[in-house]
Protein backbone atom coordinates (compact mmCIF):
# COMPACT_ATOMS: atom_id res chain seq x y z
CA MET A 1 -11.67 -1.49 19.09
CA GLU A 2 -14.88 -3.38 18.36
CA HIS A 3 -15.94 -3.76 14.76
CA ALA A 4 -19.40 -2.39 15.61
CA GLN A 5 -17.74 0.97 16.22
CA HIS A 6 -16.66 1.36 12.59
CA GLY A 7 -19.02 3.59 10.62
CA TYR A 8 -18.71 1.63 7.38
CA ILE A 9 -20.04 -1.65 8.81
CA GLY A 10 -23.55 -0.96 7.51
CA ASN A 11 -22.13 -0.72 3.99
CA LYS A 12 -19.47 -3.41 4.34
CA ASP A 13 -20.87 -5.60 1.55
CA ASP A 14 -20.92 -2.63 -0.83
CA TYR A 15 -17.29 -1.78 -0.02
CA LEU A 16 -16.24 -5.40 -0.47
CA ARG A 17 -18.05 -5.54 -3.82
CA ARG A 18 -16.28 -2.38 -4.97
CA LEU A 19 -12.90 -3.65 -3.78
CA ARG A 20 -13.40 -6.95 -5.60
CA ARG A 21 -14.17 -5.00 -8.77
CA ILE A 22 -10.98 -2.96 -8.27
CA GLU A 23 -9.05 -6.18 -7.72
CA GLY A 24 -10.39 -7.41 -11.05
CA GLN A 25 -9.32 -4.16 -12.69
CA ALA A 26 -5.78 -4.66 -11.32
CA ARG A 27 -5.66 -8.17 -12.77
CA GLY A 28 -6.89 -6.76 -16.07
CA LEU A 29 -4.10 -4.19 -16.03
CA GLN A 30 -1.53 -6.91 -15.44
CA ARG A 31 -2.96 -8.87 -18.35
CA MET A 32 -2.84 -5.78 -20.58
CA VAL A 33 0.85 -5.27 -19.80
CA GLU A 34 1.59 -8.97 -20.32
CA GLU A 35 -0.17 -8.80 -23.68
CA GLU A 36 1.66 -5.56 -24.54
CA ALA A 37 -1.50 -3.50 -24.97
CA TYR A 38 -1.35 0.06 -26.27
CA CYS A 39 -0.02 2.51 -23.65
CA ILE A 40 -3.03 4.83 -23.80
CA ASP A 41 -5.42 1.91 -23.31
CA ILE A 42 -3.50 0.88 -20.19
CA LEU A 43 -3.47 4.46 -18.89
CA THR A 44 -7.23 4.69 -19.45
CA GLN A 45 -7.72 1.60 -17.29
CA VAL A 46 -5.33 2.96 -14.64
CA SER A 47 -7.44 6.12 -14.55
CA ALA A 48 -10.64 4.11 -14.11
CA MET A 49 -9.09 2.09 -11.29
CA THR A 50 -7.79 5.24 -9.61
CA LYS A 51 -11.26 6.81 -9.73
CA ALA A 52 -12.78 3.65 -8.25
CA LEU A 53 -10.27 3.73 -5.38
CA GLN A 54 -10.97 7.41 -4.82
CA ALA A 55 -14.70 6.68 -4.61
CA VAL A 56 -14.04 4.02 -1.95
CA SER A 57 -11.77 6.43 -0.08
CA LEU A 58 -14.34 9.23 -0.11
CA GLY A 59 -17.07 6.87 1.05
CA LEU A 60 -14.95 5.62 3.93
CA LEU A 61 -14.01 9.18 4.85
CA GLU A 62 -17.66 10.22 4.88
CA GLU A 63 -18.55 7.23 7.06
CA HIS A 64 -15.67 8.09 9.40
CA MET A 65 -16.74 11.72 9.73
CA ASN A 66 -20.42 10.91 10.25
CA HIS A 67 -19.84 8.11 12.72
CA CYS A 68 -16.43 8.00 14.37
CA VAL A 69 -15.80 11.74 14.56
CA VAL A 70 -19.33 12.58 15.66
CA ASN A 71 -19.30 9.88 18.36
CA ALA A 72 -15.91 11.02 19.65
CA ALA A 73 -17.07 14.66 19.75
CA GLN A 74 -20.08 13.60 21.81
CA GLU A 75 -17.76 11.86 24.29
CA SER A 76 -15.50 14.86 24.89
CA ASP A 77 -13.93 17.86 23.19
CA ALA A 78 -10.49 16.24 23.38
CA ALA A 79 -11.68 12.97 21.85
CA GLY A 80 -13.51 14.86 19.13
CA GLN A 81 -10.47 16.98 18.34
CA ALA A 82 -8.28 13.86 18.18
CA LYS A 83 -10.63 12.30 15.62
CA VAL A 84 -10.76 15.54 13.61
CA ASP A 85 -6.95 15.65 13.59
CA GLU A 86 -6.84 12.01 12.50
CA ALA A 87 -9.32 12.73 9.69
CA MET A 88 -7.31 15.77 8.56
CA GLN A 89 -4.19 13.62 8.30
CA ALA A 90 -6.10 11.06 6.25
CA ILE A 91 -7.43 13.80 3.97
CA ALA A 92 -3.90 15.16 3.51
CA ARG A 93 -2.70 11.69 2.48
CA LEU A 94 -5.58 11.32 0.03
CA VAL A 95 -4.94 14.71 -1.53
CA LYS A 96 -1.25 13.89 -2.02
CA SER A 97 -2.02 10.62 -3.79
C-alpha cells in the first residue's frame, strides 16, 4: 500500500510531535520510578500519558474513517464494508484498553 493512501499523511508532523511528547512522558515516568516518586504523582503522569495516547488514537481513527473508509466505500460496497469491519475491530480494541 502506498503511503499517499494513508489519511493521516497530511497531519504526519503533528502526530510525530505528539508521539515524541508521549515518548518524553514515558521517560519521565521511568525517572519517577527510579527516583521513587510518590505513587499518586506517578499515577497522575500515567493518566496524562494515557489521555495523550487516546487523543492520538482518536485522531488516527477519524483520519481512517474520513479517508480510508470513504475511499473504499466509493470503490465498492464490499471494499467499504471490509474497511468498516476493520474500523470496528480497531474501535473494539481501543475501548478494551
